[in-house]
Amino acid sequence: MDTDARHQRPAGSPAAAVVHRLHECGETLATVESLTGGLLAAAIVEIAGVSSIYRGGLVVYATELKATLAGVPEDLLAARGPVDPDVAAALAEGGRRRCDAVWGLATTGVAGPEPQDGKPVGLVYVAVAGPAGTEVRRLDLDGGRDHIRSAAVIEALRLLAERIQVATDVDPAGVGRR
């Protein structure tokens, strides 16, 4: 198992925890990935029973695909580039909408080995869009490309788990959570 942003191995599987919780709630998930290039979706679909909750995902590595496939506003991409908190939010919201899911989870950032558009290696944004809105988390990761990408997956899943817990605390029955 890979390590998280603090170079620690998570206890248990963050993907399994999310999949099982979404199954309990009867809710669905979609992913939109840039930085992680499919690693997030792969971590999720490794879990048995995932077909009941995972709607699908988009890998939008090219900047223009963030607009055409995920629905990120072109003017936002032109003004700020693909590594931006508002772009991360738009990716999560776009995935949620395009895949008709209750939750959208997105990653964008710079894995290296070189900076991109003035953004440093290790700058990552993960975002979750759900019934109560969207939350973005900035990560400043160190280490090599592989660590940055795998840590982004773990941290994205942790953020989703936190948001699911908050939503469950607010609305334990899941009523009207679309």
N, C-alpha and C. Protein backbone atom coordinates (compact mmCIF):
# COMPACT_ATOMS: atom_id res chain seq x y z
N MET A 1 0.85 -1.18 0.00
CA MET A 1 0.00 0.00 0.00
C MET A 1 0.89 1.24 0.00
N ASP A 2 0.44 2.27 -0.66
CA ASP A 2 1.20 3.51 -0.76
C ASP A 2 1.03 4.36 0.50
N THR A 3 1.80 5.44 0.55
CA THR A 3 1.74 6.32 1.71
C THR A 3 0.98 7.59 1.39
N ASP A 4 0.50 8.23 2.46
CA ASP A 4 -0.29 9.45 2.33
C ASP A 4 0.60 10.69 2.29
N ALA A 5 0.00 11.85 2.46
CA ALA A 5 0.72 13.11 2.38
C ALA A 5 1.80 13.24 3.45
N ARG A 6 1.64 12.52 4.57
CA ARG A 6 2.63 12.56 5.66
C ARG A 6 3.59 11.38 5.60
N HIS A 7 3.58 10.66 4.47
CA HIS A 7 4.42 9.48 4.27
C HIS A 7 4.09 8.36 5.25
N GLN A 8 2.82 8.29 5.68
CA GLN A 8 2.37 7.23 6.57
C GLN A 8 1.43 6.31 5.80
N ARG A 9 1.46 5.04 6.14
CA ARG A 9 0.54 4.09 5.51
C ARG A 9 -0.81 4.19 6.21
N PRO A 10 -1.89 4.39 5.44
CA PRO A 10 -3.21 4.48 6.08
C PRO A 10 -3.62 3.14 6.68
N ALA A 11 -4.34 3.21 7.78
CA ALA A 11 -4.90 2.00 8.39
C ALA A 11 -6.09 1.58 7.55
N GLY A 12 -6.08 0.36 7.06
CA GLY A 12 -7.17 -0.10 6.22
C GLY A 12 -7.09 0.53 4.84
N SER A 13 -8.10 0.29 4.07
CA SER A 13 -8.16 0.82 2.71
C SER A 13 -9.09 2.02 2.65
N PRO A 14 -8.56 3.21 2.34
CA PRO A 14 -9.45 4.37 2.22
C PRO A 14 -10.54 4.16 1.16
N ALA A 15 -10.20 3.47 0.07
CA ALA A 15 -11.19 3.21 -0.98
C ALA A 15 -12.29 2.28 -0.47
N ALA A 16 -11.91 1.23 0.24
CA ALA A 16 -12.91 0.29 0.76
C ALA A 16 -13.86 0.99 1.73
N ALA A 17 -13.31 1.84 2.58
CA ALA A 17 -14.16 2.55 3.54
C ALA A 17 -15.19 3.40 2.83
N VAL A 18 -14.78 4.11 1.78
CA VAL A 18 -15.69 4.98 1.03
C VAL A 18 -16.73 4.14 0.28
N VAL A 19 -16.29 3.10 -0.39
CA VAL A 19 -17.22 2.26 -1.15
C VAL A 19 -18.27 1.66 -0.23
N HIS A 20 -17.85 1.13 0.90
CA HIS A 20 -18.80 0.51 1.82
C HIS A 20 -19.77 1.54 2.40
N ARG A 21 -19.27 2.71 2.72
CA ARG A 21 -20.15 3.76 3.28
C ARG A 21 -21.16 4.23 2.24
N LEU A 22 -20.72 4.42 1.01
CA LEU A 22 -21.66 4.83 -0.04
C LEU A 22 -22.70 3.74 -0.30
N HIS A 23 -22.28 2.51 -0.25
CA HIS A 23 -23.22 1.40 -0.43
C HIS A 23 -24.28 1.43 0.68
N GLU A 24 -23.86 1.64 1.92
CA GLU A 24 -24.79 1.72 3.04
C GLU A 24 -25.80 2.85 2.85
N CYS A 25 -25.33 3.96 2.29
CA CYS A 25 -26.18 5.13 2.09
C CYS A 25 -27.00 5.05 0.81
N GLY A 26 -26.68 4.10 -0.06
CA GLY A 26 -27.37 3.99 -1.34
C GLY A 26 -27.02 5.14 -2.28
N GLU A 27 -25.79 5.63 -2.21
CA GLU A 27 -25.37 6.77 -3.01
C GLU A 27 -24.30 6.38 -4.02
N THR A 28 -24.11 7.25 -5.00
CA THR A 28 -23.21 6.95 -6.11
C THR A 28 -22.06 7.95 -6.18
N LEU A 29 -21.02 7.55 -6.92
CA LEU A 29 -19.79 8.32 -7.02
C LEU A 29 -19.30 8.36 -8.46
N ALA A 30 -18.75 9.49 -8.84
CA ALA A 30 -18.04 9.65 -10.12
C ALA A 30 -16.70 10.31 -9.83
N THR A 31 -15.72 10.04 -10.67
CA THR A 31 -14.40 10.64 -10.50
C THR A 31 -13.99 11.40 -11.76
N VAL A 32 -13.20 12.45 -11.55
CA VAL A 32 -12.58 13.18 -12.65
C VAL A 32 -11.12 13.38 -12.25
N GLU A 33 -10.22 12.87 -13.08
CA GLU A 33 -8.81 12.88 -12.74
C GLU A 33 -7.97 13.56 -13.81
N SER A 34 -7.05 14.35 -13.35
CA SER A 34 -6.01 14.88 -14.20
C SER A 34 -4.69 14.30 -13.70
N LEU A 35 -4.18 14.85 -12.64
CA LEU A 35 -2.91 14.45 -12.03
C LEU A 35 -2.77 12.94 -11.84
N THR A 36 -3.82 12.29 -11.37
CA THR A 36 -3.74 10.87 -11.01
C THR A 36 -3.98 9.94 -12.18
N GLY A 37 -4.43 10.43 -13.31
CA GLY A 37 -4.50 9.68 -14.55
C GLY A 37 -5.15 8.31 -14.49
N GLY A 38 -6.14 8.13 -13.65
CA GLY A 38 -6.84 6.86 -13.56
C GLY A 38 -6.54 6.07 -12.29
N LEU A 39 -5.55 6.50 -11.52
CA LEU A 39 -5.21 5.79 -10.27
C LEU A 39 -6.36 5.82 -9.26
N LEU A 40 -7.08 6.93 -9.21
CA LEU A 40 -8.19 7.05 -8.27
C LEU A 40 -9.29 6.06 -8.65
N ALA A 41 -9.66 6.04 -9.91
CA ALA A 41 -10.69 5.09 -10.36
C ALA A 41 -10.23 3.66 -10.12
N ALA A 42 -8.96 3.37 -10.40
CA ALA A 42 -8.44 2.02 -10.20
C ALA A 42 -8.51 1.61 -8.72
N ALA A 43 -8.20 2.53 -7.82
CA ALA A 43 -8.27 2.22 -6.38
C ALA A 43 -9.71 1.91 -5.97
N ILE A 44 -10.65 2.63 -6.55
CA ILE A 44 -12.06 2.44 -6.21
C ILE A 44 -12.59 1.12 -6.77
N VAL A 45 -12.28 0.82 -8.03
CA VAL A 45 -12.86 -0.38 -8.65
C VAL A 45 -12.19 -1.67 -8.19
N GLU A 46 -11.12 -1.58 -7.42
CA GLU A 46 -10.53 -2.77 -6.81
C GLU A 46 -11.43 -3.39 -5.75
N ILE A 47 -12.36 -2.61 -5.23
CA ILE A 47 -13.18 -3.04 -4.10
C ILE A 47 -14.37 -3.85 -4.60
N ALA A 48 -14.54 -5.04 -4.03
CA ALA A 48 -15.68 -5.89 -4.39
C ALA A 48 -16.99 -5.17 -4.09
N GLY A 49 -17.94 -5.28 -4.98
CA GLY A 49 -19.25 -4.66 -4.80
C GLY A 49 -19.33 -3.22 -5.26
N VAL A 50 -18.27 -2.71 -5.86
CA VAL A 50 -18.21 -1.31 -6.25
C VAL A 50 -19.23 -0.96 -7.33
N SER A 51 -19.66 -1.93 -8.11
CA SER A 51 -20.57 -1.62 -9.22
C SER A 51 -21.89 -1.02 -8.75
N SER A 52 -22.24 -1.23 -7.49
CA SER A 52 -23.49 -0.65 -6.99
C SER A 52 -23.37 0.84 -6.69
N ILE A 53 -22.14 1.37 -6.60
CA ILE A 53 -21.99 2.79 -6.24
C ILE A 53 -21.19 3.60 -7.25
N TYR A 54 -20.32 2.98 -8.02
CA TYR A 54 -19.43 3.75 -8.91
C TYR A 54 -20.05 3.90 -10.28
N ARG A 55 -20.36 5.15 -10.65
CA ARG A 55 -20.99 5.46 -11.94
C ARG A 55 -19.97 5.47 -13.07
N GLY A 56 -18.76 5.95 -12.79
CA GLY A 56 -17.73 6.03 -13.81
C GLY A 56 -16.86 7.23 -13.57
N GLY A 57 -15.96 7.45 -14.52
CA GLY A 57 -15.04 8.56 -14.34
C GLY A 57 -14.45 9.04 -15.64
N LEU A 58 -13.82 10.18 -15.52
CA LEU A 58 -13.15 10.81 -16.66
C LEU A 58 -11.68 11.01 -16.30
N VAL A 59 -10.81 10.73 -17.25
CA VAL A 59 -9.41 11.10 -17.13
C VAL A 59 -9.20 12.21 -18.16
N VAL A 60 -9.00 13.41 -17.65
CA VAL A 60 -8.89 14.59 -18.51
C VAL A 60 -7.51 15.21 -18.31
N TYR A 61 -6.52 14.55 -18.84
CA TYR A 61 -5.14 15.00 -18.68
C TYR A 61 -4.89 16.27 -19.48
N ALA A 62 -5.38 16.33 -20.69
CA ALA A 62 -5.21 17.51 -21.54
C ALA A 62 -6.13 18.63 -21.04
N THR A 63 -5.61 19.83 -20.99
CA THR A 63 -6.37 20.96 -20.46
C THR A 63 -7.69 21.17 -21.19
N GLU A 64 -7.69 21.08 -22.51
CA GLU A 64 -8.93 21.33 -23.25
C GLU A 64 -10.01 20.30 -22.93
N LEU A 65 -9.61 19.09 -22.54
CA LEU A 65 -10.61 18.08 -22.19
C LEU A 65 -11.27 18.38 -20.85
N LYS A 66 -10.59 19.13 -20.00
CA LYS A 66 -11.22 19.55 -18.74
C LYS A 66 -12.46 20.38 -19.05
N ALA A 67 -12.41 21.16 -20.12
CA ALA A 67 -13.56 21.97 -20.52
C ALA A 67 -14.58 21.13 -21.29
N THR A 68 -14.13 20.43 -22.33
CA THR A 68 -15.08 19.75 -23.20
C THR A 68 -15.74 18.53 -22.57
N LEU A 69 -15.01 17.79 -21.77
CA LEU A 69 -15.59 16.58 -21.16
C LEU A 69 -16.11 16.80 -19.75
N ALA A 70 -15.38 17.56 -18.94
CA ALA A 70 -15.77 17.73 -17.54
C ALA A 70 -16.55 19.00 -17.29
N GLY A 71 -16.64 19.88 -18.27
CA GLY A 71 -17.45 21.08 -18.11
C GLY A 71 -16.81 22.22 -17.35
N VAL A 72 -15.49 22.21 -17.21
CA VAL A 72 -14.81 23.33 -16.55
C VAL A 72 -14.90 24.54 -17.48
N PRO A 73 -15.30 25.70 -16.98
CA PRO A 73 -15.39 26.88 -17.83
C PRO A 73 -14.04 27.20 -18.51
N GLU A 74 -14.10 27.40 -19.81
CA GLU A 74 -12.88 27.69 -20.57
C GLU A 74 -12.19 28.95 -20.09
N ASP A 75 -12.98 29.97 -19.71
CA ASP A 75 -12.37 31.22 -19.24
C ASP A 75 -11.62 31.02 -17.92
N LEU A 76 -12.10 30.12 -17.08
CA LEU A 76 -11.40 29.80 -15.83
C LEU A 76 -10.07 29.13 -16.14
N LEU A 77 -10.08 28.16 -17.05
CA LEU A 77 -8.84 27.49 -17.44
C LEU A 77 -7.85 28.46 -18.08
N ALA A 78 -8.36 29.36 -18.91
CA ALA A 78 -7.49 30.33 -19.58
C ALA A 78 -6.86 31.30 -18.58
N ALA A 79 -7.64 31.70 -17.59
CA ALA A 79 -7.15 32.69 -16.63
C ALA A 79 -6.20 32.09 -15.59
N ARG A 80 -6.49 30.87 -15.15
CA ARG A 80 -5.73 30.33 -14.02
C ARG A 80 -4.94 29.06 -14.32
N GLY A 81 -5.23 28.41 -15.42
CA GLY A 81 -4.56 27.15 -15.72
C GLY A 81 -5.25 25.99 -15.03
N PRO A 82 -4.79 24.78 -15.31
CA PRO A 82 -5.47 23.59 -14.79
C PRO A 82 -5.22 23.27 -13.32
N VAL A 83 -4.17 23.84 -12.73
CA VAL A 83 -3.84 23.54 -11.34
C VAL A 83 -4.30 24.72 -10.48
N ASP A 84 -5.54 24.62 -10.02
CA ASP A 84 -6.19 25.74 -9.34
C ASP A 84 -7.34 25.18 -8.50
N PRO A 85 -7.60 25.77 -7.34
CA PRO A 85 -8.69 25.24 -6.51
C PRO A 85 -10.06 25.33 -7.17
N ASP A 86 -10.32 26.41 -7.89
CA ASP A 86 -11.62 26.54 -8.55
C ASP A 86 -11.76 25.55 -9.70
N VAL A 87 -10.66 25.22 -10.36
CA VAL A 87 -10.69 24.20 -11.41
C VAL A 87 -10.97 22.84 -10.78
N ALA A 88 -10.34 22.55 -9.65
CA ALA A 88 -10.60 21.29 -8.95
C ALA A 88 -12.08 21.17 -8.59
N ALA A 89 -12.65 22.25 -8.07
CA ALA A 89 -14.07 22.24 -7.73
C ALA A 89 -14.93 22.00 -8.96
N ALA A 90 -14.60 22.69 -10.04
CA ALA A 90 -15.38 22.52 -11.28
C ALA A 90 -15.26 21.11 -11.84
N LEU A 91 -14.09 20.49 -11.69
CA LEU A 91 -13.92 19.10 -12.12
C LEU A 91 -14.84 18.18 -11.32
N ALA A 92 -14.85 18.33 -10.00
CA ALA A 92 -15.70 17.48 -9.16
C ALA A 92 -17.17 17.70 -9.48
N GLU A 93 -17.57 18.95 -9.63
CA GLU A 93 -18.96 19.26 -9.94
C GLU A 93 -19.33 18.74 -11.33
N GLY A 94 -18.42 18.89 -12.27
CA GLY A 94 -18.68 18.41 -13.63
C GLY A 94 -18.81 16.90 -13.68
N GLY A 95 -17.95 16.20 -12.96
CA GLY A 95 -18.04 14.74 -12.93
C GLY A 95 -19.34 14.28 -12.31
N ARG A 96 -19.72 14.93 -11.24
CA ARG A 96 -20.98 14.60 -10.56
C ARG A 96 -22.16 14.77 -11.52
N ARG A 97 -22.16 15.89 -12.20
CA ARG A 97 -23.25 16.22 -13.11
C ARG A 97 -23.24 15.31 -14.34
N ARG A 98 -22.08 15.18 -14.99
CA ARG A 98 -22.00 14.41 -16.24
C ARG A 98 -22.26 12.93 -16.04
N CYS A 99 -21.90 12.41 -14.88
CA CYS A 99 -22.09 10.98 -14.61
C CYS A 99 -23.36 10.70 -13.79
N ASP A 100 -24.12 11.75 -13.49
CA ASP A 100 -25.36 11.61 -12.73
C ASP A 100 -25.13 10.87 -11.42
N ALA A 101 -24.17 11.37 -10.64
CA ALA A 101 -23.81 10.75 -9.37
C ALA A 101 -24.14 11.69 -8.21
N VAL A 102 -24.31 11.13 -7.04
CA VAL A 102 -24.53 11.94 -5.84
C VAL A 102 -23.24 12.69 -5.46
N TRP A 103 -22.10 12.01 -5.64
CA TRP A 103 -20.80 12.58 -5.26
C TRP A 103 -19.87 12.63 -6.47
N GLY A 104 -19.08 13.70 -6.55
CA GLY A 104 -18.02 13.83 -7.54
C GLY A 104 -16.70 14.04 -6.82
N LEU A 105 -15.66 13.36 -7.27
CA LEU A 105 -14.35 13.44 -6.63
C LEU A 105 -13.31 13.73 -7.71
N ALA A 106 -12.47 14.74 -7.49
CA ALA A 106 -11.53 15.17 -8.53
C ALA A 106 -10.13 15.42 -8.00
N THR A 107 -9.16 15.27 -8.91
CA THR A 107 -7.76 15.56 -8.61
C THR A 107 -7.15 16.39 -9.73
N THR A 108 -6.32 17.34 -9.34
CA THR A 108 -5.52 18.09 -10.31
C THR A 108 -4.25 18.56 -9.59
N GLY A 109 -3.16 18.69 -10.32
CA GLY A 109 -1.93 19.13 -9.68
C GLY A 109 -0.72 18.89 -10.55
N VAL A 110 0.44 19.04 -9.94
CA VAL A 110 1.72 18.88 -10.65
C VAL A 110 2.49 17.74 -9.98
N ALA A 111 2.67 16.66 -10.73
CA ALA A 111 3.40 15.50 -10.19
C ALA A 111 4.88 15.56 -10.51
N GLY A 112 5.26 16.38 -11.44
CA GLY A 112 6.67 16.51 -11.79
C GLY A 112 7.05 15.63 -12.96
N PRO A 113 8.27 15.65 -13.33
CA PRO A 113 9.41 16.10 -12.52
C PRO A 113 9.66 17.60 -12.57
N GLU A 114 9.00 18.32 -13.47
CA GLU A 114 9.23 19.77 -13.60
C GLU A 114 7.99 20.55 -13.18
N PRO A 115 8.17 21.81 -12.74
CA PRO A 115 7.01 22.66 -12.49
C PRO A 115 6.19 22.83 -13.77
N GLN A 116 4.93 23.21 -13.61
CA GLN A 116 4.03 23.40 -14.75
C GLN A 116 3.37 24.76 -14.63
N ASP A 117 3.51 25.57 -15.65
CA ASP A 117 2.88 26.90 -15.70
C ASP A 117 3.12 27.70 -14.42
N GLY A 118 4.35 27.62 -13.90
CA GLY A 118 4.70 28.37 -12.71
C GLY A 118 4.24 27.74 -11.40
N LYS A 119 3.61 26.58 -11.48
CA LYS A 119 3.14 25.89 -10.28
C LYS A 119 4.19 24.85 -9.89
N PRO A 120 4.52 24.76 -8.60
CA PRO A 120 5.59 23.86 -8.17
C PRO A 120 5.18 22.39 -8.18
N VAL A 121 6.16 21.54 -8.34
CA VAL A 121 5.95 20.10 -8.21
C VAL A 121 5.42 19.83 -6.81
N GLY A 122 4.38 19.02 -6.72
CA GLY A 122 3.79 18.67 -5.44
C GLY A 122 2.57 19.48 -5.06
N LEU A 123 2.26 20.55 -5.82
CA LEU A 123 1.04 21.30 -5.57
C LEU A 123 -0.13 20.51 -6.14
N VAL A 124 -1.05 20.14 -5.28
CA VAL A 124 -2.18 19.29 -5.67
C VAL A 124 -3.45 19.86 -5.05
N TYR A 125 -4.54 19.78 -5.80
CA TYR A 125 -5.86 20.10 -5.27
C TYR A 125 -6.75 18.88 -5.46
N VAL A 126 -7.42 18.49 -4.39
CA VAL A 126 -8.43 17.44 -4.46
C VAL A 126 -9.76 18.10 -4.10
N ALA A 127 -10.84 17.65 -4.73
CA ALA A 127 -12.13 18.28 -4.50
C ALA A 127 -13.23 17.24 -4.46
N VAL A 128 -14.23 17.52 -3.63
CA VAL A 128 -15.42 16.70 -3.53
C VAL A 128 -16.63 17.60 -3.74
N ALA A 129 -17.52 17.17 -4.63
CA ALA A 129 -18.81 17.85 -4.82
C ALA A 129 -19.88 16.87 -4.36
N GLY A 130 -20.78 17.36 -3.53
CA GLY A 130 -21.82 16.49 -3.00
C GLY A 130 -23.10 17.25 -2.74
N PRO A 131 -24.02 16.61 -2.04
CA PRO A 131 -25.34 17.20 -1.82
C PRO A 131 -25.31 18.55 -1.10
N ALA A 132 -24.30 18.78 -0.26
CA ALA A 132 -24.24 20.02 0.51
C ALA A 132 -23.23 21.01 -0.05
N GLY A 133 -22.75 20.78 -1.28
CA GLY A 133 -21.80 21.71 -1.86
C GLY A 133 -20.46 21.05 -2.17
N THR A 134 -19.49 21.91 -2.39
CA THR A 134 -18.17 21.45 -2.83
C THR A 134 -17.10 21.91 -1.87
N GLU A 135 -16.13 21.03 -1.63
CA GLU A 135 -14.98 21.38 -0.80
C GLU A 135 -13.71 21.02 -1.53
N VAL A 136 -12.73 21.91 -1.44
CA VAL A 136 -11.43 21.70 -2.07
C VAL A 136 -10.36 21.70 -0.98
N ARG A 137 -9.40 20.80 -1.14
CA ARG A 137 -8.28 20.77 -0.20
C ARG A 137 -6.98 20.91 -0.99
N ARG A 138 -6.13 21.82 -0.53
CA ARG A 138 -4.81 22.00 -1.13
C ARG A 138 -3.83 21.07 -0.41
N LEU A 139 -3.01 20.41 -1.21
CA LEU A 139 -1.96 19.55 -0.68
C LEU A 139 -0.63 20.05 -1.20
N ASP A 140 0.35 20.15 -0.36
CA ASP A 140 1.71 20.48 -0.76
C ASP A 140 2.54 19.25 -0.48
N LEU A 141 2.67 18.41 -1.49
CA LEU A 141 3.31 17.11 -1.33
C LEU A 141 4.77 17.16 -1.74
N ASP A 142 5.55 16.33 -1.09
CA ASP A 142 6.95 16.20 -1.47
C ASP A 142 7.19 14.78 -1.96
N GLY A 143 8.40 14.52 -2.39
CA GLY A 143 8.72 13.19 -2.89
C GLY A 143 8.63 13.15 -4.41
N GLY A 144 8.80 11.97 -4.93
CA GLY A 144 8.79 11.78 -6.38
C GLY A 144 7.39 11.71 -6.96
N ARG A 145 7.35 11.61 -8.26
CA ARG A 145 6.11 11.57 -9.03
C ARG A 145 5.16 10.48 -8.54
N ASP A 146 5.66 9.28 -8.33
CA ASP A 146 4.80 8.18 -7.90
C ASP A 146 4.17 8.47 -6.53
N HIS A 147 4.99 8.98 -5.61
CA HIS A 147 4.44 9.29 -4.28
C HIS A 147 3.39 10.39 -4.37
N ILE A 148 3.65 11.43 -5.13
CA ILE A 148 2.69 12.54 -5.24
C ILE A 148 1.36 12.04 -5.77
N ARG A 149 1.39 11.22 -6.78
CA ARG A 149 0.15 10.71 -7.37
C ARG A 149 -0.59 9.78 -6.41
N SER A 150 0.12 8.87 -5.78
CA SER A 150 -0.56 7.93 -4.87
C SER A 150 -1.04 8.63 -3.61
N ALA A 151 -0.29 9.59 -3.10
CA ALA A 151 -0.74 10.35 -1.93
C ALA A 151 -1.98 11.17 -2.27
N ALA A 152 -2.04 11.71 -3.48
CA ALA A 152 -3.22 12.46 -3.90
C ALA A 152 -4.46 11.57 -3.88
N VAL A 153 -4.32 10.33 -4.31
CA VAL A 153 -5.46 9.39 -4.29
C VAL A 153 -5.93 9.17 -2.85
N ILE A 154 -4.99 8.88 -1.95
CA ILE A 154 -5.36 8.63 -0.56
C ILE A 154 -6.02 9.86 0.05
N GLU A 155 -5.46 11.03 -0.18
CA GLU A 155 -6.01 12.25 0.41
C GLU A 155 -7.37 12.61 -0.19
N ALA A 156 -7.58 12.35 -1.47
CA ALA A 156 -8.89 12.58 -2.09
C ALA A 156 -9.93 11.68 -1.45
N LEU A 157 -9.60 10.42 -1.26
CA LEU A 157 -10.53 9.47 -0.63
C LEU A 157 -10.81 9.87 0.82
N ARG A 158 -9.81 10.36 1.52
CA ARG A 158 -10.03 10.83 2.90
C ARG A 158 -10.98 12.02 2.93
N LEU A 159 -10.80 12.95 2.01
CA LEU A 159 -11.69 14.11 1.94
C LEU A 159 -13.11 13.65 1.67
N LEU A 160 -13.29 12.74 0.74
CA LEU A 160 -14.63 12.21 0.45
C LEU A 160 -15.22 11.54 1.68
N ALA A 161 -14.45 10.74 2.38
CA ALA A 161 -14.95 10.07 3.59
C ALA A 161 -15.42 11.09 4.62
N GLU A 162 -14.66 12.16 4.79
CA GLU A 162 -15.04 13.22 5.73
C GLU A 162 -16.35 13.87 5.32
N ARG A 163 -16.50 14.17 4.04
CA ARG A 163 -17.71 14.83 3.55
C ARG A 163 -18.93 13.91 3.65
N ILE A 164 -18.74 12.63 3.39
CA ILE A 164 -19.84 11.67 3.55
C ILE A 164 -20.27 11.63 5.01
N GLN A 165 -19.30 11.62 5.92
CA GLN A 165 -19.63 11.60 7.35
C GLN A 165 -20.41 12.84 7.75
N VAL A 166 -19.98 14.00 7.28
CA VAL A 166 -20.69 15.24 7.60
C VAL A 166 -22.11 15.18 7.06
N ALA A 167 -22.28 14.73 5.83
CA ALA A 167 -23.61 14.65 5.23
C ALA A 167 -24.49 13.66 5.97
N THR A 168 -23.91 12.57 6.41
CA THR A 168 -24.67 11.56 7.16
C THR A 168 -25.08 12.10 8.52
N ASP A 169 -24.20 12.86 9.16
CA ASP A 169 -24.53 13.46 10.45
C ASP A 169 -25.68 14.45 10.32
N VAL A 170 -25.72 15.18 9.20
CA VAL A 170 -26.76 16.18 8.97
C VAL A 170 -28.07 15.51 8.58
N ASP A 171 -27.99 14.47 7.73
CA ASP A 171 -29.17 13.83 7.20
C ASP A 171 -28.99 12.31 7.25
N PRO A 172 -29.14 11.69 8.43
CA PRO A 172 -28.84 10.28 8.58
C PRO A 172 -29.64 9.37 7.65
N ALA A 173 -30.82 9.77 7.26
CA ALA A 173 -31.65 8.94 6.40
C ALA A 173 -31.27 9.09 4.93
N GLY A 174 -30.48 10.10 4.60
CA GLY A 174 -30.12 10.32 3.21
C GLY A 174 -31.24 10.92 2.40
N VAL A 175 -32.26 11.44 3.06
CA VAL A 175 -33.42 12.00 2.36
C VAL A 175 -33.03 13.30 1.66
N GLY A 176 -33.35 13.39 0.41
CA GLY A 176 -33.12 14.61 -0.34
C GLY A 176 -31.67 14.92 -0.60
N ARG A 177 -30.82 13.91 -0.64
CA ARG A 177 -29.39 14.17 -0.81
C ARG A 177 -28.98 14.02 -2.25
N ARG A 178 -29.54 14.75 -3.09
CA ARG A 178 -29.19 14.69 -4.50
C ARG A 178 -28.85 16.06 -4.94
